[in-house]
Amino acid sequence: MTKADIVAKISEKLGIEKGDVQATVETFMSEVKTSLEGGNNVYLRGFGSFIIKARAEKTGRNISKNTTIIIPAHNIPAFKPAKVFVESIKANVKIK
């Protein structure tokens, strides 16, 4: 499902113009991004959390040059689904 699909579904279900829904979805994503960039996690009860995970410094390899490189410690954004969300997926989605 793409962002356009989400906008179309919301527009169809609520009877709101796609342009208004598009602006709302874009603003939501922008606020989540801004919050994470500011060092704050975003908690959506019953859905999940957008969190910042710290990655430790580690040693990697550049295979083409056969050299060792140091990958510095860094933060990455991550999503942690709520327990209710995970249980719903387990109950409703069949294993492929």
C-alpha atoms as a PDB file:
ATOM      1  CA  MET A   1       0.000   0.000   0.000  1.00  0.00           C
ATOM      2  CA  THR A   2       1.363   3.409  -0.951  1.00  0.00           C
ATOM      3  CA  LYS A   3       0.723   6.859   0.466  1.00  0.00           C
ATOM      4  CA  ALA A   4      -1.624   7.542  -2.469  1.00  0.00           C
ATOM      5  CA  ASP A   5      -3.584   4.372  -1.623  1.00  0.00           C
ATOM      6  CA  ILE A   6      -3.901   5.476   2.006  1.00  0.00           C
ATOM      7  CA  VAL A   7      -5.107   8.929   0.942  1.00  0.00           C
ATOM      8  CA  ALA A   8      -7.662   7.384  -1.442  1.00  0.00           C
ATOM      9  CA  LYS A   9      -9.002   4.989   1.240  1.00  0.00           C
ATOM     10  CA  ILE A  10      -9.359   7.715   3.866  1.00  0.00           C
ATOM     11  CA  SER A  11     -10.987  10.048   1.350  1.00  0.00           C
ATOM     12  CA  GLU A  12     -13.446   7.338   0.325  1.00  0.00           C
ATOM     13  CA  LYS A  13     -14.322   6.292   3.894  1.00  0.00           C
ATOM     14  CA  LEU A  14     -14.753   9.798   5.318  1.00  0.00           C
ATOM     15  CA  GLY A  15     -16.048  11.626   2.258  1.00  0.00           C
ATOM     16  CA  ILE A  16     -13.306  14.237   2.449  1.00  0.00           C
ATOM     17  CA  GLU A  17     -11.553  15.596  -0.636  1.00  0.00           C
ATOM     18  CA  LYS A  18      -8.292  13.859  -1.522  1.00  0.00           C
ATOM     19  CA  GLY A  19      -6.382  17.144  -1.402  1.00  0.00           C
ATOM     20  CA  ASP A  20      -7.395  17.738   2.218  1.00  0.00           C
ATOM     21  CA  VAL A  21      -6.542  14.162   3.201  1.00  0.00           C
ATOM     22  CA  GLN A  22      -3.204  14.432   1.368  1.00  0.00           C
ATOM     23  CA  ALA A  23      -2.346  17.592   3.327  1.00  0.00           C
ATOM     24  CA  THR A  24      -3.300  15.889   6.607  1.00  0.00           C
ATOM     25  CA  VAL A  25      -1.205  12.788   5.910  1.00  0.00           C
ATOM     26  CA  GLU A  26       1.778  14.916   4.808  1.00  0.00           C
ATOM     27  CA  THR A  27       1.485  17.055   7.960  1.00  0.00           C
ATOM     28  CA  PHE A  28       1.273  13.960  10.180  1.00  0.00           C
ATOM     29  CA  MET A  29       4.417  12.478   8.623  1.00  0.00           C
ATOM     30  CA  SER A  30       6.198  15.824   8.880  1.00  0.00           C
ATOM     31  CA  GLU A  31       5.358  16.124  12.582  1.00  0.00           C
ATOM     32  CA  VAL A  32       6.579  12.580  13.297  1.00  0.00           C
ATOM     33  CA  LYS A  33       9.816  13.337  11.439  1.00  0.00           C
ATOM     34  CA  THR A  34      10.273  16.678  13.242  1.00  0.00           C
ATOM     35  CA  SER A  35       9.683  15.057  16.621  1.00  0.00           C
ATOM     36  CA  LEU A  36      12.229  12.299  15.953  1.00  0.00           C
ATOM     37  CA  GLU A  37      14.757  14.820  14.641  1.00  0.00           C
ATOM     38  CA  GLY A  38      14.288  16.706  17.921  1.00  0.00           C
ATOM     39  CA  GLY A  39      15.141  13.572  19.888  1.00  0.00           C
ATOM     40  CA  ASN A  40      11.550  12.792  20.957  1.00  0.00           C
ATOM     41  CA  ASN A  41       9.741   9.502  20.402  1.00  0.00           C
ATOM     42  CA  VAL A  42       6.146   9.429  19.104  1.00  0.00           C
ATOM     43  CA  TYR A  43       3.661   7.133  20.869  1.00  0.00           C
ATOM     44  CA  LEU A  44       0.367   6.196  19.185  1.00  0.00           C
ATOM     45  CA  ARG A  45      -1.664   4.103  21.645  1.00  0.00           C
ATOM     46  CA  GLY A  46      -2.980   0.907  20.081  1.00  0.00           C
ATOM     47  CA  PHE A  47      -0.845   1.347  16.957  1.00  0.00           C
ATOM     48  CA  GLY A  48       2.805   1.640  17.919  1.00  0.00           C
ATOM     49  CA  SER A  49       5.737   3.917  18.586  1.00  0.00           C
ATOM     50  CA  PHE A  50       8.160   5.724  16.317  1.00  0.00           C
ATOM     51  CA  ILE A  51      11.396   5.594  18.276  1.00  0.00           C
ATOM     52  CA  ILE A  52      15.064   6.480  17.961  1.00  0.00           C
ATOM     53  CA  LYS A  53      17.434   3.523  18.241  1.00  0.00           C
ATOM     54  CA  ALA A  54      21.119   3.939  19.001  1.00  0.00           C
ATOM     55  CA  ARG A  55      23.553   1.836  17.009  1.00  0.00           C
ATOM     56  CA  ALA A  56      26.939   1.184  18.569  1.00  0.00           C
ATOM     57  CA  GLU A  57      30.224   1.684  16.746  1.00  0.00           C
ATOM     58  CA  LYS A  58      31.253  -1.425  14.842  1.00  0.00           C
ATOM     59  CA  THR A  59      33.874  -2.737  12.459  1.00  0.00           C
ATOM     60  CA  GLY A  60      32.870  -3.419   8.864  1.00  0.00           C
ATOM     61  CA  ARG A  61      34.617  -4.532   5.716  1.00  0.00           C
ATOM     62  CA  ASN A  62      34.913  -2.941   2.294  1.00  0.00           C
ATOM     63  CA  ILE A  63      34.907  -6.115   0.208  1.00  0.00           C
ATOM     64  CA  SER A  64      36.002  -4.485  -3.047  1.00  0.00           C
ATOM     65  CA  LYS A  65      39.146  -2.947  -1.487  1.00  0.00           C
ATOM     66  CA  ASN A  66      39.599  -5.712   1.117  1.00  0.00           C
ATOM     67  CA  THR A  67      39.951  -3.169   3.921  1.00  0.00           C
ATOM     68  CA  THR A  68      38.487  -2.822   7.391  1.00  0.00           C
ATOM     69  CA  ILE A  69      36.465   0.289   8.164  1.00  0.00           C
ATOM     70  CA  ILE A  70      35.010   1.659  11.375  1.00  0.00           C
ATOM     71  CA  ILE A  71      31.296   2.435  11.222  1.00  0.00           C
ATOM     72  CA  PRO A  72      30.688   5.168  13.820  1.00  0.00           C
ATOM     73  CA  ALA A  73      27.898   5.032  16.405  1.00  0.00           C
ATOM     74  CA  HIS A  74      24.691   6.580  15.094  1.00  0.00           C
ATOM     75  CA  ASN A  75      20.953   6.856  15.681  1.00  0.00           C
ATOM     76  CA  ILE A  76      18.272   5.464  13.370  1.00  0.00           C
ATOM     77  CA  PRO A  77      14.484   5.852  13.333  1.00  0.00           C
ATOM     78  CA  ALA A  78      12.483   2.694  14.020  1.00  0.00           C
ATOM     79  CA  PHE A  79       8.880   1.599  14.458  1.00  0.00           C
ATOM     80  CA  LYS A  80       7.792  -0.628  17.317  1.00  0.00           C
ATOM     81  CA  PRO A  81       4.234  -1.938  16.898  1.00  0.00           C
ATOM     82  CA  ALA A  82       1.869  -2.003  19.886  1.00  0.00           C
ATOM     83  CA  LYS A  83       1.072  -5.366  21.458  1.00  0.00           C
ATOM     84  CA  VAL A  84      -2.576  -5.093  20.337  1.00  0.00           C
ATOM     85  CA  PHE A  85      -1.421  -4.439  16.760  1.00  0.00           C
ATOM     86  CA  VAL A  86       0.954  -7.417  16.776  1.00  0.00           C
ATOM     87  CA  GLU A  87      -1.722  -9.751  18.171  1.00  0.00           C
ATOM     88  CA  SER A  88      -4.186  -8.576  15.503  1.00  0.00           C
ATOM     89  CA  ILE A  89      -1.697  -9.334  12.731  1.00  0.00           C
ATOM     90  CA  LYS A  90      -0.895 -12.751  14.204  1.00  0.00           C
ATOM     91  CA  ALA A  91      -4.594 -13.627  14.362  1.00  0.00           C
ATOM     92  CA  ASN A  92      -5.639 -12.297  10.949  1.00  0.00           C
ATOM     93  CA  VAL A  93      -2.726 -12.715   8.534  1.00  0.00           C
ATOM     94  CA  LYS A  94      -1.983 -16.180   7.236  1.00  0.00           C
ATOM     95  CA  ILE A  95       1.597 -17.369   6.809  1.00  0.00           C
ATOM     96  CA  LYS A  96       2.622 -17.444   3.150  1.00  0.00           C
END
